[in-house]
Amino acid sequence: MFARVVAVSTKPGKAGEFTETIHDRIVPMLEDQPGFVNEILLVSDTEPDQILALSFWESQEDAERYTHEQCPRIDDLISHLVESARPF
C-alpha cells in the first residue's frame, strides 16, 4: 500500500466547503481510479483552514498515474477553495 499526503491551506473560511467537495465530488472520481483504496481528510482543530489530505493506493504506480492523469481535473474543481497545497 502507498499513501499520498498533501498539506492543504484553504482560503479563510472555506475548509467546510473544501471537505464537502472532496467527499461529494472528488471521492466518487477517485473510486473509479485503478488502485484507489481510501481518502481521509484531517482538519486541524487549532487552525481550521489547515488540512492534511491522505489518499491510499494499492501501489505507488497507481498513485503516480492518478497524479499525472487526474490531478489537473481535480485541481480545477477545488482551486477556488485552496490557498496552497503541498505534497509530501
PDB file of N, CA and C in Angstrom:
ATOM      1  N   MET A   1       0.845  -1.175   0.000  1.00  0.00           N
ATOM      2  CA  MET A   1       0.000   0.000   0.000  1.00  0.00           C
ATOM      3  C   MET A   1       0.889   1.237   0.000  1.00  0.00           C
ATOM      4  N   PHE A   2       0.388   2.286  -0.631  1.00  0.00           N
ATOM      5  CA  PHE A   2       1.112   3.548  -0.762  1.00  0.00           C
ATOM      6  C   PHE A   2       0.180   4.676  -0.337  1.00  0.00           C
ATOM      7  N   ALA A   3       0.719   5.643   0.406  1.00  0.00           N
ATOM      8  CA  ALA A   3      -0.065   6.804   0.840  1.00  0.00           C
ATOM      9  C   ALA A   3       0.474   8.063   0.171  1.00  0.00           C
ATOM     10  N   ARG A   4      -0.436   8.863  -0.312  1.00  0.00           N
ATOM     11  CA  ARG A   4      -0.107  10.176  -0.870  1.00  0.00           C
ATOM     12  C   ARG A   4      -0.636  11.201   0.120  1.00  0.00           C
ATOM     13  N   VAL A   5       0.244  12.094   0.608  1.00  0.00           N
ATOM     14  CA  VAL A   5      -0.127  13.077   1.623  1.00  0.00           C
ATOM     15  C   VAL A   5       0.068  14.474   1.051  1.00  0.00           C
ATOM     16  N   VAL A   6      -0.979  15.300   1.199  1.00  0.00           N
ATOM     17  CA  VAL A   6      -0.917  16.677   0.722  1.00  0.00           C
ATOM     18  C   VAL A   6      -1.379  17.594   1.853  1.00  0.00           C
ATOM     19  N   ALA A   7      -0.550  18.584   2.195  1.00  0.00           N
ATOM     20  CA  ALA A   7      -0.930  19.609   3.167  1.00  0.00           C
ATOM     21  C   ALA A   7      -1.639  20.720   2.403  1.00  0.00           C
ATOM     22  N   VAL A   8      -2.868  21.013   2.809  1.00  0.00           N
ATOM     23  CA  VAL A   8      -3.692  21.994   2.121  1.00  0.00           C
ATOM     24  C   VAL A   8      -4.000  23.150   3.059  1.00  0.00           C
ATOM     25  N   SER A   9      -3.815  24.359   2.563  1.00  0.00           N
ATOM     26  CA  SER A   9      -4.290  25.557   3.251  1.00  0.00           C
ATOM     27  C   SER A   9      -5.456  26.078   2.433  1.00  0.00           C
ATOM     28  N   THR A  10      -6.643  26.074   3.040  1.00  0.00           N
ATOM     29  CA  THR A  10      -7.794  26.574   2.306  1.00  0.00           C
ATOM     30  C   THR A  10      -7.856  28.097   2.465  1.00  0.00           C
ATOM     31  N   LYS A  11      -8.598  28.720   1.597  1.00  0.00           N
ATOM     32  CA  LYS A  11      -8.860  30.145   1.762  1.00  0.00           C
ATOM     33  C   LYS A  11      -9.654  30.301   3.047  1.00  0.00           C
ATOM     34  N   PRO A  12      -9.536  31.445   3.723  1.00  0.00           N
ATOM     35  CA  PRO A  12     -10.199  31.624   5.016  1.00  0.00           C
ATOM     36  C   PRO A  12     -11.694  31.284   4.955  1.00  0.00           C
ATOM     37  N   GLY A  13     -12.102  30.417   5.888  1.00  0.00           N
ATOM     38  CA  GLY A  13     -13.495  30.045   5.996  1.00  0.00           C
ATOM     39  C   GLY A  13     -13.988  29.033   4.978  1.00  0.00           C
ATOM     40  N   LYS A  14     -13.098  28.472   4.166  1.00  0.00           N
ATOM     41  CA  LYS A  14     -13.507  27.560   3.093  1.00  0.00           C
ATOM     42  C   LYS A  14     -13.242  26.083   3.402  1.00  0.00           C
ATOM     43  N   ALA A  15     -12.759  25.773   4.590  1.00  0.00           N
ATOM     44  CA  ALA A  15     -12.434  24.378   4.911  1.00  0.00           C
ATOM     45  C   ALA A  15     -13.661  23.478   4.830  1.00  0.00           C
ATOM     46  N   GLY A  16     -14.791  23.929   5.333  1.00  0.00           N
ATOM     47  CA  GLY A  16     -16.006  23.118   5.283  1.00  0.00           C
ATOM     48  C   GLY A  16     -16.430  22.827   3.860  1.00  0.00           C
ATOM     49  N   GLU A  17     -16.416  23.850   3.016  1.00  0.00           N
ATOM     50  CA  GLU A  17     -16.788  23.658   1.612  1.00  0.00           C
ATOM     51  C   GLU A  17     -15.775  22.745   0.912  1.00  0.00           C
ATOM     52  N   PHE A  18     -14.502  22.895   1.271  1.00  0.00           N
ATOM     53  CA  PHE A  18     -13.456  22.042   0.707  1.00  0.00           C
ATOM     54  C   PHE A  18     -13.719  20.575   1.052  1.00  0.00           C
ATOM     55  N   THR A  19     -13.960  20.282   2.337  1.00  0.00           N
ATOM     56  CA  THR A  19     -14.178  18.889   2.735  1.00  0.00           C
ATOM     57  C   THR A  19     -15.451  18.325   2.096  1.00  0.00           C
ATOM     58  N   GLU A  20     -16.502  19.130   1.989  1.00  0.00           N
ATOM     59  CA  GLU A  20     -17.726  18.669   1.325  1.00  0.00           C
ATOM     60  C   GLU A  20     -17.462  18.349  -0.145  1.00  0.00           C
ATOM     61  N   THR A  21     -16.694  19.205  -0.813  1.00  0.00           N
ATOM     62  CA  THR A  21     -16.378  18.982  -2.220  1.00  0.00           C
ATOM     63  C   THR A  21     -15.566  17.703  -2.398  1.00  0.00           C
ATOM     64  N   ILE A  22     -14.613  17.490  -1.506  1.00  0.00           N
ATOM     65  CA  ILE A  22     -13.816  16.262  -1.577  1.00  0.00           C
ATOM     66  C   ILE A  22     -14.717  15.042  -1.430  1.00  0.00           C
ATOM     67  N   HIS A  23     -15.559  15.039  -0.405  1.00  0.00           N
ATOM     68  CA  HIS A  23     -16.411  13.868  -0.147  1.00  0.00           C
ATOM     69  C   HIS A  23     -17.486  13.678  -1.215  1.00  0.00           C
ATOM     70  N   ASP A  24     -18.093  14.766  -1.666  1.00  0.00           N
ATOM     71  CA  ASP A  24     -19.227  14.657  -2.594  1.00  0.00           C
ATOM     72  C   ASP A  24     -18.826  14.513  -4.063  1.00  0.00           C
ATOM     73  N   ARG A  25     -17.712  15.138  -4.445  1.00  0.00           N
ATOM     74  CA  ARG A  25     -17.363  15.163  -5.876  1.00  0.00           C
ATOM     75  C   ARG A  25     -16.064  14.443  -6.207  1.00  0.00           C
ATOM     76  N   ILE A  26     -15.068  14.592  -5.331  1.00  0.00           N
ATOM     77  CA  ILE A  26     -13.743  14.052  -5.647  1.00  0.00           C
ATOM     78  C   ILE A  26     -13.653  12.554  -5.332  1.00  0.00           C
ATOM     79  N   VAL A  27     -14.116  12.153  -4.151  1.00  0.00           N
ATOM     80  CA  VAL A  27     -14.008  10.733  -3.784  1.00  0.00           C
ATOM     81  C   VAL A  27     -14.712   9.837  -4.802  1.00  0.00           C
ATOM     82  N   PRO A  28     -15.914  10.182  -5.280  1.00  0.00           N
ATOM     83  CA  PRO A  28     -16.506   9.326  -6.322  1.00  0.00           C
ATOM     84  C   PRO A  28     -15.621   9.202  -7.575  1.00  0.00           C
ATOM     85  N   MET A  29     -14.909  10.262  -7.921  1.00  0.00           N
ATOM     86  CA  MET A  29     -13.988  10.195  -9.063  1.00  0.00           C
ATOM     87  C   MET A  29     -12.799   9.293  -8.728  1.00  0.00           C
ATOM     88  N   LEU A  30     -12.301   9.404  -7.492  1.00  0.00           N
ATOM     89  CA  LEU A  30     -11.164   8.581  -7.077  1.00  0.00           C
ATOM     90  C   LEU A  30     -11.530   7.100  -7.071  1.00  0.00           C
ATOM     91  N   GLU A  31     -12.756   6.805  -6.665  1.00  0.00           N
ATOM     92  CA  GLU A  31     -13.176   5.412  -6.601  1.00  0.00           C
ATOM     93  C   GLU A  31     -13.142   4.724  -7.957  1.00  0.00           C
ATOM     94  N   ASP A  32     -13.168   5.504  -9.028  1.00  0.00           N
ATOM     95  CA  ASP A  32     -13.070   4.945 -10.374  1.00  0.00           C
ATOM     96  C   ASP A  32     -11.631   4.738 -10.835  1.00  0.00           C
ATOM     97  N   GLN A  33     -10.662   5.189 -10.024  1.00  0.00           N
ATOM     98  CA  GLN A  33      -9.261   5.092 -10.414  1.00  0.00           C
ATOM     99  C   GLN A  33      -8.683   3.734 -10.022  1.00  0.00           C
ATOM    100  N   PRO A  34      -7.922   3.106 -10.930  1.00  0.00           N
ATOM    101  CA  PRO A  34      -7.284   1.825 -10.595  1.00  0.00           C
ATOM    102  C   PRO A  34      -6.377   1.970  -9.378  1.00  0.00           C
ATOM    103  N   GLY A  35      -6.533   1.078  -8.422  1.00  0.00           N
ATOM    104  CA  GLY A  35      -5.660   1.045  -7.256  1.00  0.00           C
ATOM    105  C   GLY A  35      -6.080   1.944  -6.108  1.00  0.00           C
ATOM    106  N   PHE A  36      -7.125   2.755  -6.268  1.00  0.00           N
ATOM    107  CA  PHE A  36      -7.550   3.625  -5.174  1.00  0.00           C
ATOM    108  C   PHE A  36      -8.131   2.789  -4.040  1.00  0.00           C
ATOM    109  N   VAL A  37      -7.748   3.132  -2.796  1.00  0.00           N
ATOM    110  CA  VAL A  37      -8.231   2.422  -1.620  1.00  0.00           C
ATOM    111  C   VAL A  37      -9.133   3.316  -0.771  1.00  0.00           C
ATOM    112  N   ASN A  38      -8.641   4.510  -0.389  1.00  0.00           N
ATOM    113  CA  ASN A  38      -9.411   5.377   0.503  1.00  0.00           C
ATOM    114  C   ASN A  38      -8.826   6.787   0.516  1.00  0.00           C
ATOM    115  N   GLU A  39      -9.635   7.730   0.980  1.00  0.00           N
ATOM    116  CA  GLU A  39      -9.228   9.132   1.154  1.00  0.00           C
ATOM    117  C   GLU A  39      -9.637   9.551   2.550  1.00  0.00           C
ATOM    118  N   ILE A  40      -8.718  10.169   3.285  1.00  0.00           N
ATOM    119  CA  ILE A  40      -9.001  10.667   4.624  1.00  0.00           C
ATOM    120  C   ILE A  40      -8.550  12.120   4.692  1.00  0.00           C
ATOM    121  N   LEU A  41      -9.400  12.974   5.252  1.00  0.00           N
ATOM    122  CA  LEU A  41      -9.049  14.372   5.470  1.00  0.00           C
ATOM    123  C   LEU A  41      -8.925  14.614   6.965  1.00  0.00           C
ATOM    124  N   LEU A  42      -7.845  15.241   7.370  1.00  0.00           N
ATOM    125  CA  LEU A  42      -7.625  15.606   8.766  1.00  0.00           C
ATOM    126  C   LEU A  42      -7.610  17.129   8.849  1.00  0.00           C
ATOM    127  N   VAL A  43      -8.590  17.684   9.546  1.00  0.00           N
ATOM    128  CA  VAL A  43      -8.713  19.136   9.677  1.00  0.00           C
ATOM    129  C   VAL A  43      -8.184  19.526  11.050  1.00  0.00           C
ATOM    130  N   SER A  44      -7.280  20.493  11.079  1.00  0.00           N
ATOM    131  CA  SER A  44      -6.705  20.966  12.336  1.00  0.00           C
ATOM    132  C   SER A  44      -7.787  21.599  13.209  1.00  0.00           C
ATOM    133  N   ASP A  45      -7.785  21.260  14.489  1.00  0.00           N
ATOM    134  CA  ASP A  45      -8.747  21.887  15.389  1.00  0.00           C
ATOM    135  C   ASP A  45      -8.246  23.229  15.914  1.00  0.00           C
ATOM    136  N   THR A  46      -6.965  23.530  15.749  1.00  0.00           N
ATOM    137  CA  THR A  46      -6.435  24.824  16.174  1.00  0.00           C
ATOM    138  C   THR A  46      -6.284  25.806  15.015  1.00  0.00           C
ATOM    139  N   GLU A  47      -6.123  25.287  13.796  1.00  0.00           N
ATOM    140  CA  GLU A  47      -6.036  26.107  12.584  1.00  0.00           C
ATOM    141  C   GLU A  47      -6.964  25.488  11.546  1.00  0.00           C
ATOM    142  N   PRO A  48      -8.256  25.822  11.603  1.00  0.00           N
ATOM    143  CA  PRO A  48      -9.254  25.115  10.801  1.00  0.00           C
ATOM    144  C   PRO A  48      -9.084  25.223   9.285  1.00  0.00           C
ATOM    145  N   ASP A  49      -8.252  26.126   8.808  1.00  0.00           N
ATOM    146  CA  ASP A  49      -8.016  26.216   7.364  1.00  0.00           C
ATOM    147  C   ASP A  49      -6.830  25.349   6.926  1.00  0.00           C
ATOM    148  N   GLN A  50      -6.277  24.565   7.867  1.00  0.00           N
ATOM    149  CA  GLN A  50      -5.159  23.669   7.565  1.00  0.00           C
ATOM    150  C   GLN A  50      -5.668  22.228   7.553  1.00  0.00           C
ATOM    151  N   ILE A  51      -5.446  21.545   6.437  1.00  0.00           N
ATOM    152  CA  ILE A  51      -5.966  20.192   6.249  1.00  0.00           C
ATOM    153  C   ILE A  51      -4.869  19.296   5.694  1.00  0.00           C
ATOM    154  N   LEU A  52      -4.821  18.065   6.194  1.00  0.00           N
ATOM    155  CA  LEU A  52      -3.976  17.040   5.585  1.00  0.00           C
ATOM    156  C   LEU A  52      -4.897  16.105   4.822  1.00  0.00           C
ATOM    157  N   ALA A  53      -4.611  15.927   3.555  1.00  0.00           N
ATOM    158  CA  ALA A  53      -5.383  15.012   2.716  1.00  0.00           C
ATOM    159  C   ALA A  53      -4.520  13.786   2.463  1.00  0.00           C
ATOM    160  N   LEU A  54      -5.008  12.644   2.893  1.00  0.00           N
ATOM    161  CA  LEU A  54      -4.281  11.388   2.719  1.00  0.00           C
ATOM    162  C   LEU A  54      -5.079  10.488   1.793  1.00  0.00           C
ATOM    163  N   SER A  55      -4.457  10.091   0.710  1.00  0.00           N
ATOM    164  CA  SER A  55      -5.091   9.108  -0.169  1.00  0.00           C
ATOM    165  C   SER A  55      -4.247   7.848  -0.146  1.00  0.00           C
ATOM    166  N   PHE A  56      -4.934   6.714  -0.134  1.00  0.00           N
ATOM    167  CA  PHE A  56      -4.279   5.420  -0.049  1.00  0.00           C
ATOM    168  C   PHE A  56      -4.493   4.654  -1.344  1.00  0.00           C
ATOM    169  N   TRP A  57      -3.411   4.051  -1.822  1.00  0.00           N
ATOM    170  CA  TRP A  57      -3.391   3.379  -3.118  1.00  0.00           C
ATOM    171  C   TRP A  57      -2.774   2.005  -2.977  1.00  0.00           C
ATOM    172  N   GLU A  58      -3.150   1.116  -3.871  1.00  0.00           N
ATOM    173  CA  GLU A  58      -2.574  -0.229  -3.884  1.00  0.00           C
ATOM    174  C   GLU A  58      -1.059  -0.172  -4.106  1.00  0.00           C
ATOM    175  N   SER A  59      -0.607   0.762  -4.958  1.00  0.00           N
ATOM    176  CA  SER A  59       0.818   0.866  -5.253  1.00  0.00           C
ATOM    177  C   SER A  59       1.195   2.319  -5.544  1.00  0.00           C
ATOM    178  N   GLN A  60       2.477   2.579  -5.493  1.00  0.00           N
ATOM    179  CA  GLN A  60       2.981   3.904  -5.835  1.00  0.00           C
ATOM    180  C   GLN A  60       2.669   4.224  -7.291  1.00  0.00           C
ATOM    181  N   GLU A  61       2.727   3.240  -8.155  1.00  0.00           N
ATOM    182  CA  GLU A  61       2.440   3.446  -9.570  1.00  0.00           C
ATOM    183  C   GLU A  61       0.996   3.915  -9.773  1.00  0.00           C
ATOM    184  N   ASP A  62       0.052   3.330  -9.020  1.00  0.00           N
ATOM    185  CA  ASP A  62      -1.346   3.760  -9.108  1.00  0.00           C
ATOM    186  C   ASP A  62      -1.489   5.220  -8.694  1.00  0.00           C
ATOM    187  N   ALA A  63      -0.828   5.605  -7.603  1.00  0.00           N
ATOM    188  CA  ALA A  63      -0.900   6.991  -7.123  1.00  0.00           C
ATOM    189  C   ALA A  63      -0.267   7.947  -8.133  1.00  0.00           C
ATOM    190  N   GLU A  64       0.849   7.555  -8.721  1.00  0.00           N
ATOM    191  CA  GLU A  64       1.508   8.420  -9.704  1.00  0.00           C
ATOM    192  C   GLU A  64       0.674   8.559 -10.976  1.00  0.00           C
ATOM    193  N   ARG A  65       0.026   7.490 -11.391  1.00  0.00           N
ATOM    194  CA  ARG A  65      -0.846   7.557 -12.563  1.00  0.00           C
ATOM    195  C   ARG A  65      -1.986   8.548 -12.307  1.00  0.00           C
ATOM    196  N   TYR A  66      -2.589   8.456 -11.124  1.00  0.00           N
ATOM    197  CA  TYR A  66      -3.638   9.400 -10.738  1.00  0.00           C
ATOM    198  C   TYR A  66      -3.106  10.833 -10.766  1.00  0.00           C
ATOM    199  N   THR A  67      -1.928  11.032 -10.191  1.00  0.00           N
ATOM    200  CA  THR A  67      -1.335  12.367 -10.120  1.00  0.00           C
ATOM    201  C   THR A  67      -1.157  12.960 -11.515  1.00  0.00           C
ATOM    202  N   HIS A  68      -0.675  12.168 -12.443  1.00  0.00           N
ATOM    203  CA  HIS A  68      -0.421  12.675 -13.789  1.00  0.00           C
ATOM    204  C   HIS A  68      -1.683  12.804 -14.643  1.00  0.00           C
ATOM    205  N   GLU A  69      -2.628  11.895 -14.448  1.00  0.00           N
ATOM    206  CA  GLU A  69      -3.797  11.870 -15.325  1.00  0.00           C
ATOM    207  C   GLU A  69      -4.995  12.647 -14.791  1.00  0.00           C
ATOM    208  N   GLN A  70      -5.202  12.658 -13.480  1.00  0.00           N
ATOM    209  CA  GLN A  70      -6.429  13.225 -12.923  1.00  0.00           C
ATOM    210  C   GLN A  70      -6.246  14.497 -12.090  1.00  0.00           C
ATOM    211  N   CYS A  71      -5.071  14.717 -11.536  1.00  0.00           N
ATOM    212  CA  CYS A  71      -4.883  15.881 -10.658  1.00  0.00           C
ATOM    213  C   CYS A  71      -5.272  17.206 -11.304  1.00  0.00           C
ATOM    214  N   PRO A  72      -4.933  17.465 -12.560  1.00  0.00           N
ATOM    215  CA  PRO A  72      -5.343  18.747 -13.141  1.00  0.00           C
ATOM    216  C   PRO A  72      -6.866  18.937 -13.132  1.00  0.00           C
ATOM    217  N   ARG A  73      -7.602  17.876 -13.395  1.00  0.00           N
ATOM    218  CA  ARG A  73      -9.062  17.945 -13.378  1.00  0.00           C
ATOM    219  C   ARG A  73      -9.590  18.192 -11.963  1.00  0.00           C
ATOM    220  N   ILE A  74      -8.995  17.529 -10.993  1.00  0.00           N
ATOM    221  CA  ILE A  74      -9.373  17.699  -9.591  1.00  0.00           C
ATOM    222  C   ILE A  74      -9.030  19.123  -9.143  1.00  0.00           C
ATOM    223  N   ASP A  75      -7.847  19.599  -9.516  1.00  0.00           N
ATOM    224  CA  ASP A  75      -7.433  20.949  -9.143  1.00  0.00           C
ATOM    225  C   ASP A  75      -8.429  21.994  -9.638  1.00  0.00           C
ATOM    226  N   ASP A  76      -8.974  21.786 -10.829  1.00  0.00           N
ATOM    227  CA  ASP A  76      -9.968  22.718 -11.361  1.00  0.00           C
ATOM    228  C   ASP A  76     -11.207  22.793 -10.469  1.00  0.00           C
ATOM    229  N   LEU A  77     -11.577  21.677  -9.845  1.00  0.00           N
ATOM    230  CA  LEU A  77     -12.773  21.635  -9.010  1.00  0.00           C
ATOM    231  C   LEU A  77     -12.586  22.280  -7.640  1.00  0.00           C
ATOM    232  N   ILE A  78     -11.329  22.346  -7.166  1.00  0.00           N
ATOM    233  CA  ILE A  78     -11.097  22.874  -5.814  1.00  0.00           C
ATOM    234  C   ILE A  78     -10.254  24.141  -5.771  1.00  0.00           C
ATOM    235  N   SER A  79      -9.736  24.585  -6.892  1.00  0.00           N
ATOM    236  CA  SER A  79      -8.799  25.717  -6.884  1.00  0.00           C
ATOM    237  C   SER A  79      -9.393  26.986  -6.271  1.00  0.00           C
ATOM    238  N   HIS A  80     -10.691  27.190  -6.408  1.00  0.00           N
ATOM    239  CA  HIS A  80     -11.315  28.390  -5.836  1.00  0.00           C
ATOM    240  C   HIS A  80     -11.413  28.329  -4.308  1.00  0.00           C
ATOM    241  N   LEU A  81     -11.108  27.169  -3.726  1.00  0.00           N
ATOM    242  CA  LEU A  81     -11.177  26.984  -2.273  1.00  0.00           C
ATOM    243  C   LEU A  81      -9.809  26.927  -1.618  1.00  0.00           C
ATOM    244  N   VAL A  82      -8.764  26.745  -2.414  1.00  0.00           N
ATOM    245  CA  VAL A  82      -7.436  26.446  -1.889  1.00  0.00           C
ATOM    246  C   VAL A  82      -6.492  27.634  -2.021  1.00  0.00           C
ATOM    247  N   GLU A  83      -5.830  27.941  -0.932  1.00  0.00           N
ATOM    248  CA  GLU A  83      -4.775  28.957  -0.900  1.00  0.00           C
ATOM    249  C   GLU A  83      -3.471  28.352  -1.407  1.00  0.00           C
ATOM    250  N   SER A  84      -3.132  27.158  -0.866  1.00  0.00           N
ATOM    251  CA  SER A  84      -1.926  26.446  -1.301  1.00  0.00           C
ATOM    252  C   SER A  84      -2.073  24.959  -0.973  1.00  0.00           C
ATOM    253  N   ALA A  85      -1.329  24.142  -1.719  1.00  0.00           N
ATOM    254  CA  ALA A  85      -1.295  22.703  -1.476  1.00  0.00           C
ATOM    255  C   ALA A  85       0.125  22.230  -1.704  1.00  0.00           C
ATOM    256  N   ARG A  86       0.609  21.438  -0.752  1.00  0.00           N
ATOM    257  CA  ARG A  86       1.994  20.987  -0.817  1.00  0.00           C
ATOM    258  C   ARG A  86       2.061  19.482  -0.564  1.00  0.00           C
ATOM    259  N   PRO A  87       2.421  18.708  -1.594  1.00  0.00           N
ATOM    260  CA  PRO A  87       2.567  17.262  -1.376  1.00  0.00           C
ATOM    261  C   PRO A  87       3.810  16.968  -0.545  1.00  0.00           C
ATOM    262  N   PHE A  88       3.745  15.889   0.203  1.00  0.00           N
ATOM    263  CA  PHE A  88       4.905  15.428   0.988  1.00  0.00           C
ATOM    264  C   PHE A  88       5.583  14.312   0.232  1.00  0.00           C
TER     265      PHE A  88
END
